[in-house]
Amino acid sequence: MRVVNVAAAQLGPIQKAESRQAVVKRMIDLMDEAKAKGADLIVYPELALTTFFPRWYMEDQAEVDAWFEREMPNAATMPLFERAARHQMAMNFGYAEMTPDGHHFNTCILTDKSGKIVGKYRKVHLPGHAEFDTKRAFQHLEKRYFEPGDLGFNVWRALGGIFGMAICNDRRWPETYRVMGLQGVEMVLIGYNTPSVNAEKSEEGPEKRLFHNRLSVQAGAYQNSTWVVCVAKAGVEDGHPLIGGSLIVNPDGEIVAEAKTEGDELLVHPCDLDATTFGKETIFNFAQHRRIEHYGLISSRTGAVPPPET
């Protein structure tokens, strides 16, 4: 058995006026709780340090840039790294990254138990739109503030296993899991900030959103025989509700832990990485069963093209 005791650290709402230092204190409190429960790895949400700022339309680039981290760790987050190293706990969390040459990404990192960053991922599937949309109930401007990730879907050896990362909307795309699955991934770490209501379809409320969350994660886990740890930022941020529903899913696609609240909440579960082996060697033995000669459209076409009418 290769057991990793995983803590999924859901965060409740972060208001626009809340400082990074205040948020880091909340994250440390959850980390201390995770340590008391024997966690080896703690997983926090997407954009864990701030409110979900892409809901706000901003034209002043300086105002936009204030939400971004220019280095990691930095003065505000160093206490988090120091506590993780003291607890000998690996860590994953998301943040808005501005590179030294001025590029903007929705990013997450993975550290080892010493607090050293060993992996970085930048969100590939950016949802939403780039300009103010009067038809939407609220804005979702990720395409305005972020560039599509440029690092691909990599995996890293850590904690005795093979780990991958993704962010929010990535979880809805089967290609996300499959590319990592083709690298032998054993655990995928995902953070998300998902509005409780669809901005373009108001009748799609939190129950449907939670259903789609579970469906996407469970399918990705089962079809690639991997653990998936999917962690929300939840609750009402300045009048805008986000779903919770953080969950840990095993390689059979079964939910083994799920959040019950929309606040700061910790889920801890022992995840045996060896549990991924059976699926990888049987029904999802890619080397034996995949037929790549028939998959060309997946990498050669973006939009759907129906067959010609006869």
Protein backbone atom coordinates (compact mmCIF):
# COMPACT_ATOMS: atom_id res chain seq x y z
CA MET A 1 0.00 0.00 0.00
CA ARG A 2 1.11 3.55 -0.81
CA VAL A 3 -1.23 5.61 1.35
CA VAL A 4 -1.29 9.41 1.13
CA ASN A 5 -3.48 11.01 3.77
CA VAL A 6 -5.07 13.85 1.81
CA ALA A 7 -6.77 16.94 3.27
CA ALA A 8 -9.16 18.76 0.95
CA ALA A 9 -9.28 22.27 2.43
CA GLN A 10 -12.42 23.99 1.19
CA LEU A 11 -12.46 27.75 1.74
CA GLY A 12 -15.60 29.71 2.45
CA PRO A 13 -16.18 33.08 0.78
CA ILE A 14 -13.40 35.66 0.47
CA GLN A 15 -14.79 39.17 0.21
CA LYS A 16 -13.31 41.75 -2.14
CA ALA A 17 -11.97 43.80 0.78
CA GLU A 18 -10.37 40.84 2.58
CA SER A 19 -6.55 40.94 2.71
CA ARG A 20 -4.25 38.16 1.59
CA GLN A 21 -2.85 38.03 5.11
CA ALA A 22 -6.31 37.32 6.53
CA VAL A 23 -6.87 34.56 3.98
CA VAL A 24 -3.47 32.99 4.66
CA LYS A 25 -4.37 32.91 8.35
CA ARG A 26 -7.51 30.91 7.49
CA MET A 27 -5.45 28.59 5.29
CA ILE A 28 -2.96 28.03 8.12
CA ASP A 29 -5.80 27.24 10.54
CA LEU A 30 -7.01 24.54 8.14
CA MET A 31 -3.45 23.27 7.76
CA ASP A 32 -3.07 22.99 11.53
CA GLU A 33 -6.31 21.00 11.65
CA ALA A 34 -5.03 18.80 8.82
CA LYS A 35 -1.78 18.19 10.73
CA ALA A 36 -3.74 17.09 13.79
CA LYS A 37 -5.53 14.57 11.57
CA GLY A 38 -2.29 13.19 10.12
CA ALA A 39 -2.44 14.71 6.62
CA ASP A 40 0.51 14.35 4.24
CA LEU A 41 -0.92 16.70 1.61
CA ILE A 42 -3.32 19.64 1.80
CA VAL A 43 -5.22 20.85 -1.28
CA TYR A 44 -6.76 24.35 -1.45
CA PRO A 45 -9.01 25.92 -4.13
CA GLU A 46 -8.43 27.91 -7.30
CA LEU A 47 -7.57 31.58 -6.62
CA ALA A 48 -7.24 30.70 -2.96
CA LEU A 49 -5.70 34.03 -1.90
CA THR A 50 -8.42 36.39 -3.17
CA THR A 51 -12.05 36.74 -4.06
CA PHE A 52 -13.04 35.46 -7.51
CA PHE A 53 -12.15 38.78 -9.12
CA PRO A 54 -13.04 37.85 -12.75
CA ARG A 55 -16.67 38.64 -11.87
CA TRP A 56 -15.70 42.34 -11.77
CA TYR A 57 -15.28 44.32 -15.01
CA MET A 58 -12.10 46.42 -14.81
CA GLU A 59 -10.51 48.64 -17.47
CA ASP A 60 -7.58 49.95 -15.41
CA GLN A 61 -4.72 47.46 -15.81
CA ALA A 62 -3.18 48.57 -12.52
CA GLU A 63 -6.43 47.62 -10.77
CA VAL A 64 -6.34 44.24 -12.50
CA ASP A 65 -2.70 43.63 -11.66
CA ALA A 66 -3.35 44.22 -7.95
CA TRP A 67 -5.04 40.79 -7.85
CA PHE A 68 -1.94 39.03 -9.20
CA GLU A 69 1.13 37.60 -7.44
CA ARG A 70 4.46 38.59 -8.95
CA GLU A 71 6.40 35.89 -7.13
CA MET A 72 5.64 32.79 -5.12
CA PRO A 73 6.21 32.59 -2.25
CA ASN A 74 5.97 36.27 -1.37
CA ALA A 75 5.69 38.23 1.87
CA ALA A 76 1.98 37.49 2.28
CA THR A 77 2.24 33.76 1.58
CA MET A 78 5.59 32.97 3.21
CA PRO A 79 3.90 32.06 6.55
CA LEU A 80 1.90 29.40 4.70
CA PHE A 81 5.05 27.87 3.22
CA GLU A 82 6.83 28.02 6.58
CA ARG A 83 3.95 26.28 8.37
CA ALA A 84 3.78 23.59 5.67
CA ALA A 85 7.51 22.93 6.06
CA ARG A 86 7.17 22.81 9.86
CA HIS A 87 4.32 20.32 9.55
CA GLN A 88 6.18 18.35 6.87
CA MET A 89 3.08 18.60 4.69
CA ALA A 90 2.94 18.91 0.90
CA MET A 91 0.63 21.63 -0.40
CA ASN A 92 -1.34 22.62 -3.50
CA PHE A 93 -3.14 25.92 -4.03
CA GLY A 94 -4.19 28.26 -6.81
CA TYR A 95 -3.51 31.96 -7.38
CA ALA A 96 -3.36 34.61 -10.09
CA GLU A 97 0.19 34.73 -11.45
CA MET A 98 1.89 37.62 -13.25
CA THR A 99 5.21 36.63 -14.77
CA PRO A 100 8.29 38.90 -14.78
CA ASP A 101 7.65 39.67 -18.45
CA GLY A 102 4.02 40.65 -17.82
CA HIS A 103 1.99 37.56 -18.72
CA HIS A 104 -1.10 36.73 -16.65
CA PHE A 105 -2.15 33.18 -15.78
CA ASN A 106 -4.58 31.34 -13.53
CA THR A 107 -2.02 29.14 -11.80
CA CYS A 108 -1.58 26.49 -9.15
CA ILE A 109 1.49 24.92 -7.57
CA LEU A 110 2.48 21.75 -5.76
CA THR A 111 5.12 21.70 -3.04
CA ASP A 112 6.96 18.84 -1.40
CA LYS A 113 6.96 18.33 2.36
CA SER A 114 9.80 20.84 2.79
CA GLY A 115 7.77 23.66 1.22
CA LYS A 116 9.76 23.58 -2.04
CA ILE A 117 7.70 24.10 -5.20
CA VAL A 118 8.02 20.96 -7.32
CA GLY A 119 5.25 21.53 -9.88
CA LYS A 120 3.35 24.36 -11.54
CA TYR A 121 0.24 24.30 -13.72
CA ARG A 122 -1.49 27.12 -15.62
CA LYS A 123 -5.20 26.81 -16.45
CA VAL A 124 -5.75 25.74 -20.06
CA HIS A 125 -9.54 25.82 -20.51
CA LEU A 126 -10.56 29.41 -19.75
CA PRO A 127 -14.34 29.87 -19.56
CA GLY A 128 -16.35 33.05 -19.88
CA HIS A 129 -15.73 36.04 -22.11
CA ALA A 130 -13.40 39.02 -22.64
CA GLU A 131 -15.72 42.04 -22.83
CA PHE A 132 -18.62 43.31 -20.71
CA ASP A 133 -21.73 41.31 -21.59
CA THR A 134 -25.07 43.00 -20.88
CA LYS A 135 -26.96 39.72 -21.44
CA ARG A 136 -25.32 37.98 -18.49
CA ALA A 137 -26.67 38.06 -14.95
CA PHE A 138 -23.08 38.62 -13.83
CA GLN A 139 -19.71 38.77 -15.55
CA HIS A 140 -17.19 35.93 -15.95
CA LEU A 141 -14.13 37.62 -17.42
CA GLU A 142 -11.41 34.99 -17.24
CA LYS A 143 -10.71 35.43 -20.95
CA ARG A 144 -10.10 39.13 -20.27
CA TYR A 145 -7.70 38.77 -17.36
CA PHE A 146 -5.87 35.50 -18.09
CA GLU A 147 -4.02 33.93 -20.97
CA PRO A 148 -4.53 30.22 -21.72
CA GLY A 149 -2.00 28.11 -19.85
CA ASP A 150 1.24 27.40 -21.69
CA LEU A 151 2.64 24.52 -19.62
CA GLY A 152 0.36 21.69 -20.73
CA PHE A 153 -0.92 18.87 -18.52
CA ASN A 154 2.21 17.58 -16.85
CA VAL A 155 2.62 15.13 -13.98
CA TRP A 156 5.19 15.00 -11.21
CA ARG A 157 6.63 12.33 -8.95
CA ALA A 158 5.81 13.30 -5.37
CA LEU A 159 4.85 11.60 -2.10
CA GLY A 160 5.74 8.22 -3.57
CA GLY A 161 3.31 8.57 -6.48
CA ILE A 162 2.48 10.40 -9.71
CA PHE A 163 0.50 13.63 -9.32
CA GLY A 164 -1.15 16.00 -11.78
CA MET A 165 -2.97 19.31 -11.47
CA ALA A 166 -5.85 21.10 -13.17
CA ILE A 167 -8.04 24.11 -12.40
CA CYS A 168 -11.83 24.55 -12.33
CA ASN A 169 -13.20 24.42 -15.90
CA ASP A 170 -10.44 21.97 -16.86
CA ARG A 171 -12.31 19.33 -14.84
CA ARG A 172 -15.16 19.36 -17.36
CA TRP A 173 -12.95 18.31 -20.29
CA PRO A 174 -12.04 14.61 -20.66
CA GLU A 175 -8.82 15.52 -22.44
CA THR A 176 -7.52 17.00 -19.18
CA TYR A 177 -7.57 13.67 -17.38
CA ARG A 178 -6.62 11.56 -20.39
CA VAL A 179 -3.39 13.45 -21.13
CA MET A 180 -2.35 12.95 -17.51
CA GLY A 181 -3.67 9.38 -17.58
CA LEU A 182 -1.32 8.67 -20.48
CA GLN A 183 1.51 9.64 -18.13
CA GLY A 184 0.36 7.22 -15.45
CA VAL A 185 -1.23 9.79 -13.13
CA GLU A 186 -2.38 8.41 -9.77
CA MET A 187 -3.87 11.54 -8.22
CA VAL A 188 -5.21 14.71 -9.85
CA LEU A 189 -5.51 17.86 -7.73
CA ILE A 190 -8.15 20.39 -8.81
CA GLY A 191 -9.30 23.68 -7.29
CA TYR A 192 -12.41 25.53 -8.43
CA ASN A 193 -14.57 28.64 -7.97
CA THR A 194 -17.94 27.82 -9.57
CA PRO A 195 -20.89 30.24 -9.44
CA SER A 196 -24.07 28.75 -7.99
CA VAL A 197 -26.09 29.99 -10.96
CA ASN A 198 -25.28 29.86 -14.67
CA ALA A 199 -24.88 33.50 -15.84
CA GLU A 200 -26.52 32.65 -19.18
CA LYS A 201 -29.14 30.16 -17.94
CA SER A 202 -30.58 31.32 -14.63
CA GLU A 203 -32.74 28.22 -14.15
CA GLU A 204 -29.54 26.17 -13.85
CA GLY A 205 -28.98 26.56 -10.13
CA PRO A 206 -26.76 24.99 -7.50
CA GLU A 207 -28.25 21.48 -7.61
CA LYS A 208 -27.49 21.13 -11.33
CA ARG A 209 -24.09 22.76 -10.86
CA LEU A 210 -23.20 20.29 -8.10
CA PHE A 211 -24.44 17.41 -10.26
CA HIS A 212 -22.17 18.47 -13.12
CA ASN A 213 -19.27 18.88 -10.69
CA ARG A 214 -19.63 15.33 -9.41
CA LEU A 215 -20.26 13.92 -12.88
CA SER A 216 -17.13 15.45 -14.39
CA VAL A 217 -14.83 14.46 -11.56
CA GLN A 218 -16.17 10.94 -11.13
CA ALA A 219 -15.93 10.25 -14.87
CA GLY A 220 -12.36 11.55 -15.04
CA ALA A 221 -11.32 9.43 -12.07
CA TYR A 222 -12.96 6.23 -13.32
CA GLN A 223 -11.91 6.51 -16.97
CA ASN A 224 -8.26 6.99 -15.99
CA SER A 225 -8.21 4.91 -12.80
CA THR A 226 -6.92 7.78 -10.70
CA TRP A 227 -7.76 9.52 -7.46
CA VAL A 228 -9.16 13.03 -7.92
CA VAL A 229 -9.21 15.64 -5.16
CA CYS A 230 -11.46 18.55 -6.14
CA VAL A 231 -11.67 21.53 -3.78
CA ALA A 232 -14.03 24.54 -3.84
CA LYS A 233 -14.02 28.12 -2.80
CA ALA A 234 -17.65 28.40 -1.70
CA GLY A 235 -20.27 30.67 -0.20
CA VAL A 236 -21.40 34.21 -0.97
CA GLU A 237 -18.67 36.63 -2.05
CA ASP A 238 -19.96 40.21 -2.12
CA GLY A 239 -23.43 39.01 -3.07
CA HIS A 240 -22.25 36.38 -5.57
CA PRO A 241 -22.80 32.76 -4.42
CA LEU A 242 -20.38 29.93 -5.23
CA ILE A 243 -21.11 26.22 -4.90
CA GLY A 244 -19.22 24.11 -2.39
CA GLY A 245 -19.27 20.38 -2.92
CA SER A 246 -15.55 19.71 -2.47
CA LEU A 247 -14.97 16.01 -2.93
CA ILE A 248 -12.44 13.20 -3.02
CA VAL A 249 -13.10 10.50 -5.62
CA ASN A 250 -11.42 7.10 -5.76
CA PRO A 251 -10.12 5.32 -8.91
CA ASP A 252 -13.46 3.48 -9.28
CA GLY A 253 -15.22 6.84 -9.61
CA GLU A 254 -16.80 6.64 -6.14
CA ILE A 255 -17.08 9.67 -3.87
CA VAL A 256 -15.31 8.83 -0.60
CA ALA A 257 -15.60 12.28 1.03
CA GLU A 258 -17.73 15.34 0.25
CA ALA A 259 -18.15 18.74 1.90
CA LYS A 260 -21.37 19.46 3.75
CA THR A 261 -21.07 23.25 4.09
CA GLU A 262 -20.18 26.34 2.07
CA GLY A 263 -17.61 27.53 4.59
CA ASP A 264 -14.06 26.67 5.59
CA GLU A 265 -14.21 22.88 5.88
CA LEU A 266 -11.65 20.10 5.92
CA LEU A 267 -12.09 16.64 4.40
CA VAL A 268 -9.38 14.10 5.26
CA HIS A 269 -9.15 10.69 3.61
CA PRO A 270 -6.41 8.03 3.30
CA CYS A 271 -5.83 7.49 -0.41
CA ASP A 272 -3.99 4.30 -1.41
CA LEU A 273 -2.20 5.04 -4.67
CA ASP A 274 -1.93 1.31 -5.30
CA ALA A 275 -5.71 1.30 -5.71
CA THR A 276 -5.12 2.80 -9.17
CA THR A 277 -3.29 -0.31 -10.40
CA PHE A 278 -6.21 -2.65 -11.07
CA GLY A 279 -8.04 -0.28 -13.43
CA LYS A 280 -4.82 0.65 -15.21
CA GLU A 281 -4.02 -3.02 -15.84
CA THR A 282 -7.52 -4.16 -16.90
CA ILE A 283 -10.35 -2.19 -18.48
CA PHE A 284 -8.26 0.98 -18.82
CA ASN A 285 -5.04 -0.70 -19.90
CA PHE A 286 -4.31 1.95 -22.50
CA ALA A 287 -1.47 0.07 -24.20
CA GLN A 288 -3.75 -2.88 -24.94
CA HIS A 289 -7.03 -1.19 -25.75
CA ARG A 290 -6.60 2.35 -27.12
CA ARG A 291 -7.02 2.76 -30.90
CA ILE A 292 -5.29 6.03 -31.66
CA GLU A 293 -5.68 5.60 -35.43
CA HIS A 294 -9.33 6.58 -34.92
CA TYR A 295 -8.78 9.56 -32.60
CA GLY A 296 -7.33 12.09 -35.03
CA LEU A 297 -10.18 14.58 -34.79
CA ILE A 298 -9.51 15.10 -31.09
CA SER A 299 -6.23 16.89 -31.77
CA SER A 300 -6.92 18.25 -35.27
CA ARG A 301 -10.30 19.96 -34.82
CA THR A 302 -11.67 22.36 -32.21
CA GLY A 303 -15.30 23.09 -33.16
CA ALA A 304 -17.82 20.43 -34.18
CA VAL A 305 -18.41 19.99 -37.92
CA PRO A 306 -21.55 17.98 -38.76
CA PRO A 307 -21.55 15.69 -41.79
CA PRO A 308 -22.88 17.21 -45.05
CA GLU A 309 -26.62 17.01 -45.63
CA THR A 310 -27.72 14.62 -48.32
